[in-house]
PDB file of N, CA and C in Angstrom:
ATOM      1  N   MET A   1      -2.291   2.711 -13.214  1.00  0.00           N
ATOM      2  CA  MET A   1      -1.285   3.761 -12.955  1.00  0.00           C
ATOM      3  C   MET A   1      -0.173   3.113 -12.087  1.00  0.00           C
ATOM      4  N   THR A   2       1.066   3.426 -12.471  1.00  0.00           N
ATOM      5  CA  THR A   2       2.157   2.919 -11.732  1.00  0.00           C
ATOM      6  C   THR A   2       2.473   3.857 -10.541  1.00  0.00           C
ATOM      7  N   ALA A   3       3.222   3.342  -9.573  1.00  0.00           N
ATOM      8  CA  ALA A   3       3.634   4.196  -8.441  1.00  0.00           C
ATOM      9  C   ALA A   3       4.372   5.452  -8.917  1.00  0.00           C
ATOM     10  N   GLU A   4       5.241   5.253  -9.898  1.00  0.00           N
ATOM     11  CA  GLU A   4       6.033   6.391 -10.439  1.00  0.00           C
ATOM     12  C   GLU A   4       5.091   7.454 -11.041  1.00  0.00           C
ATOM     13  N   GLU A   5       4.079   7.038 -11.727  1.00  0.00           N
ATOM     14  CA  GLU A   5       3.135   7.940 -12.347  1.00  0.00           C
ATOM     15  C   GLU A   5       2.356   8.705 -11.256  1.00  0.00           C
ATOM     16  N   ILE A   6       1.944   7.997 -10.154  1.00  0.00           N
ATOM     17  CA  ILE A   6       1.327   8.690  -9.056  1.00  0.00           C
ATOM     18  C   ILE A   6       2.281   9.707  -8.430  1.00  0.00           C
ATOM     19  N   VAL A   7       3.455   9.408  -8.221  1.00  0.00           N
ATOM     20  CA  VAL A   7       4.468  10.280  -7.591  1.00  0.00           C
ATOM     21  C   VAL A   7       4.583  11.495  -8.526  1.00  0.00           C
ATOM     22  N   ARG A   8       4.709  11.317  -9.867  1.00  0.00           N
ATOM     23  CA  ARG A   8       4.835  12.433 -10.723  1.00  0.00           C
ATOM     24  C   ARG A   8       3.633  13.343 -10.684  1.00  0.00           C
ATOM     25  N   GLU A   9       2.430  12.806 -10.487  1.00  0.00           N
ATOM     26  CA  GLU A   9       1.179  13.576 -10.303  1.00  0.00           C
ATOM     27  C   GLU A   9       1.307  14.458  -9.088  1.00  0.00           C
ATOM     28  N   ILE A  10       1.876  13.907  -8.066  1.00  0.00           N
ATOM     29  CA  ILE A  10       1.943  14.637  -6.765  1.00  0.00           C
ATOM     30  C   ILE A  10       3.116  15.640  -6.765  1.00  0.00           C
ATOM     31  N   TYR A  11       4.303  15.156  -7.090  1.00  0.00           N
ATOM     32  CA  TYR A  11       5.536  15.934  -6.958  1.00  0.00           C
ATOM     33  C   TYR A  11       5.995  16.549  -8.215  1.00  0.00           C
ATOM     34  N   GLY A  12       5.382  16.190  -9.348  1.00  0.00           N
ATOM     35  CA  GLY A  12       5.960  16.650 -10.674  1.00  0.00           C
ATOM     36  C   GLY A  12       7.230  15.851 -10.909  1.00  0.00           C
ATOM     37  N   ASN A  13       8.236  16.401 -11.451  1.00  0.00           N
ATOM     38  CA  ASN A  13       9.497  15.679 -11.655  1.00  0.00           C
ATOM     39  C   ASN A  13      10.473  15.891 -10.583  1.00  0.00           C
ATOM     40  N   ASP A  14      10.039  16.539  -9.477  1.00  0.00           N
ATOM     41  CA  ASP A  14      10.967  16.887  -8.381  1.00  0.00           C
ATOM     42  C   ASP A  14      10.869  15.855  -7.257  1.00  0.00           C
ATOM     43  N   TYR A  15      11.458  14.683  -7.482  1.00  0.00           N
ATOM     44  CA  TYR A  15      11.472  13.602  -6.524  1.00  0.00           C
ATOM     45  C   TYR A  15      12.809  12.813  -6.676  1.00  0.00           C
ATOM     46  N   THR A  16      13.157  12.085  -5.682  1.00  0.00           N
ATOM     47  CA  THR A  16      14.412  11.357  -5.682  1.00  0.00           C
ATOM     48  C   THR A  16      14.059   9.861  -5.629  1.00  0.00           C
ATOM     49  N   ILE A  17      15.061   9.037  -5.817  1.00  0.00           N
ATOM     50  CA  ILE A  17      14.883   7.601  -5.604  1.00  0.00           C
ATOM     51  C   ILE A  17      14.496   7.263  -4.186  1.00  0.00           C
ATOM     52  N   ASP A  18      15.114   7.992  -3.241  1.00  0.00           N
ATOM     53  CA  ASP A  18      14.722   7.764  -1.819  1.00  0.00           C
ATOM     54  C   ASP A  18      13.262   8.090  -1.584  1.00  0.00           C
ATOM     55  N   ASP A  19      12.743   9.083  -2.243  1.00  0.00           N
ATOM     56  CA  ASP A  19      11.370   9.406  -2.073  1.00  0.00           C
ATOM     57  C   ASP A  19      10.481   8.191  -2.615  1.00  0.00           C
ATOM     58  N   LEU A  20      10.867   7.634  -3.735  1.00  0.00           N
ATOM     59  CA  LEU A  20      10.180   6.493  -4.308  1.00  0.00           C
ATOM     60  C   LEU A  20      10.231   5.311  -3.317  1.00  0.00           C
ATOM     61  N   LYS A  21      11.400   5.061  -2.759  1.00  0.00           N
ATOM     62  CA  LYS A  21      11.586   3.899  -1.850  1.00  0.00           C
ATOM     63  C   LYS A  21      10.674   4.108  -0.605  1.00  0.00           C
ATOM     64  N   HIS A  22      10.654   5.387  -0.117  1.00  0.00           N
ATOM     65  CA  HIS A  22       9.866   5.698   1.107  1.00  0.00           C
ATOM     66  C   HIS A  22       8.415   5.463   0.790  1.00  0.00           C
ATOM     67  N   ILE A  23       7.941   5.871  -0.319  1.00  0.00           N
ATOM     68  CA  ILE A  23       6.516   5.716  -0.818  1.00  0.00           C
ATOM     69  C   ILE A  23       6.187   4.153  -0.951  1.00  0.00           C
ATOM     70  N   GLU A  24       7.148   3.465  -1.620  1.00  0.00           N
ATOM     71  CA  GLU A  24       6.929   2.082  -1.846  1.00  0.00           C
ATOM     72  C   GLU A  24       6.804   1.340  -0.508  1.00  0.00           C
ATOM     73  N   LYS A  25       7.625   1.593   0.454  1.00  0.00           N
ATOM     74  CA  LYS A  25       7.538   0.978   1.795  1.00  0.00           C
ATOM     75  C   LYS A  25       6.197   1.299   2.453  1.00  0.00           C
ATOM     76  N   ALA A  26       5.785   2.498   2.347  1.00  0.00           N
ATOM     77  CA  ALA A  26       4.490   2.880   2.925  1.00  0.00           C
ATOM     78  C   ALA A  26       3.307   2.105   2.277  1.00  0.00           C
ATOM     79  N   VAL A  27       3.378   1.931   0.903  1.00  0.00           N
ATOM     80  CA  VAL A  27       2.329   1.265   0.235  1.00  0.00           C
ATOM     81  C   VAL A  27       2.353  -0.274   0.611  1.00  0.00           C
ATOM     82  N   VAL A  28       3.522  -0.828   0.676  1.00  0.00           N
ATOM     83  CA  VAL A  28       3.637  -2.255   1.047  1.00  0.00           C
ATOM     84  C   VAL A  28       3.122  -2.495   2.452  1.00  0.00           C
ATOM     85  N   ASP A  29       3.478  -1.561   3.394  1.00  0.00           N
ATOM     86  CA  ASP A  29       2.984  -1.682   4.808  1.00  0.00           C
ATOM     87  C   ASP A  29       1.447  -1.634   4.843  1.00  0.00           C
ATOM     88  N   GLU A  30       0.865  -0.674   4.112  1.00  0.00           N
ATOM     89  CA  GLU A  30      -0.592  -0.506   4.041  1.00  0.00           C
ATOM     90  C   GLU A  30      -1.233  -1.739   3.520  1.00  0.00           C
ATOM     91  N   GLN A  31      -0.725  -2.282   2.402  1.00  0.00           N
ATOM     92  CA  GLN A  31      -1.285  -3.445   1.780  1.00  0.00           C
ATOM     93  C   GLN A  31      -1.256  -4.624   2.794  1.00  0.00           C
ATOM     94  N   GLU A  32      -0.149  -4.779   3.497  1.00  0.00           N
ATOM     95  CA  GLU A  32      -0.080  -5.822   4.508  1.00  0.00           C
ATOM     96  C   GLU A  32      -1.122  -5.697   5.604  1.00  0.00           C
ATOM     97  N   HIS A  33      -1.407  -4.461   6.016  1.00  0.00           N
ATOM     98  CA  HIS A  33      -2.343  -4.171   7.062  1.00  0.00           C
ATOM     99  C   HIS A  33      -3.708  -4.602   6.511  1.00  0.00           C
ATOM    100  N   TRP A  34      -4.050  -4.259   5.303  1.00  0.00           N
ATOM    101  CA  TRP A  34      -5.332  -4.596   4.766  1.00  0.00           C
ATOM    102  C   TRP A  34      -5.489  -6.038   4.521  1.00  0.00           C
ATOM    103  N   ARG A  35      -4.417  -6.758   4.101  1.00  0.00           N
ATOM    104  CA  ARG A  35      -4.466  -8.181   3.921  1.00  0.00           C
ATOM    105  C   ARG A  35      -4.797  -8.859   5.239  1.00  0.00           C
ATOM    106  N   LYS A  36      -4.085  -8.452   6.290  1.00  0.00           N
ATOM    107  CA  LYS A  36      -4.328  -9.031   7.665  1.00  0.00           C
ATOM    108  C   LYS A  36      -5.791  -8.775   8.095  1.00  0.00           C
ATOM    109  N   LYS A  37      -6.246  -7.539   7.852  1.00  0.00           N
ATOM    110  CA  LYS A  37      -7.644  -7.243   8.278  1.00  0.00           C
ATOM    111  C   LYS A  37      -8.677  -8.104   7.518  1.00  0.00           C
ATOM    112  N   LYS A  38      -8.421  -8.299   6.196  1.00  0.00           N
ATOM    113  CA  LYS A  38      -9.346  -9.055   5.397  1.00  0.00           C
ATOM    114  C   LYS A  38      -9.284 -10.614   5.871  1.00  0.00           C
ATOM    115  N   PHE A  39      -8.105 -11.096   6.137  1.00  0.00           N
ATOM    116  CA  PHE A  39      -7.859 -12.424   6.636  1.00  0.00           C
ATOM    117  C   PHE A  39      -8.574 -12.648   7.955  1.00  0.00           C
ATOM    118  N   LYS A  40      -8.454 -11.648   8.850  1.00  0.00           N
ATOM    119  CA  LYS A  40      -9.137 -11.773  10.155  1.00  0.00           C
ATOM    120  C   LYS A  40     -10.648 -11.837  10.016  1.00  0.00           C
ATOM    121  N   LYS A  41     -11.223 -11.050   9.074  1.00  0.00           N
ATOM    122  CA  LYS A  41     -12.671 -11.037   8.779  1.00  0.00           C
ATOM    123  C   LYS A  41     -13.055 -12.405   8.277  1.00  0.00           C
ATOM    124  N   GLU A  42     -12.259 -13.026   7.339  1.00  0.00           N
ATOM    125  CA  GLU A  42     -12.538 -14.331   6.843  1.00  0.00           C
ATOM    126  C   GLU A  42     -12.549 -15.416   7.942  1.00  0.00           C
ATOM    127  N   ILE A  43     -11.616 -15.314   8.830  1.00  0.00           N
ATOM    128  CA  ILE A  43     -11.609 -16.299   9.992  1.00  0.00           C
ATOM    129  C   ILE A  43     -12.832 -16.075  10.835  1.00  0.00           C
ATOM    130  N   GLU A  44     -13.193 -14.868  11.222  1.00  0.00           N
ATOM    131  CA  GLU A  44     -14.338 -14.631  11.998  1.00  0.00           C
ATOM    132  C   GLU A  44     -15.601 -15.146  11.286  1.00  0.00           C
ATOM    133  N   LYS A  45     -15.667 -14.936  10.052  1.00  0.00           N
ATOM    134  CA  LYS A  45     -16.856 -15.383   9.241  1.00  0.00           C
ATOM    135  C   LYS A  45     -16.921 -16.878   9.266  1.00  0.00           C
ATOM    136  N   ASN A  46     -15.769 -17.554   9.138  1.00  0.00           N
ATOM    137  CA  ASN A  46     -15.833 -19.032   9.100  1.00  0.00           C
ATOM    138  C   ASN A  46     -16.063 -19.592  10.537  1.00  0.00           C
ATOM    139  N   VAL A  47     -15.685 -18.962  11.560  1.00  0.00           N
ATOM    140  CA  VAL A  47     -15.922 -19.415  12.868  1.00  0.00           C
ATOM    141  C   VAL A  47     -17.408 -19.290  13.242  1.00  0.00           C
ATOM    142  N   CYS A  48     -17.961 -18.190  12.834  1.00  0.00           N
ATOM    143  CA  CYS A  48     -19.408 -17.984  13.111  1.00  0.00           C
ATOM    144  C   CYS A  48     -20.335 -18.894  12.381  1.00  0.00           C
ATOM    145  N   ASN A  49     -19.876 -19.478  11.328  1.00  0.00           N
ATOM    146  CA  ASN A  49     -20.712 -20.416  10.483  1.00  0.00           C
ATOM    147  C   ASN A  49     -20.648 -21.830  10.978  1.00  0.00           C
TER     148      ASN A  49
END
């Protein structure tokens, strides 16, 4: 599913380009957070071994 398809599921066809940009930024920020969290776990795992 693309981001645009997800937005259409939530908003129907009533959304703007700014809405899409705002959602895209939130998704990118969330992905970065989870990447850092996973990386931190990998480091802790390697240090403990």
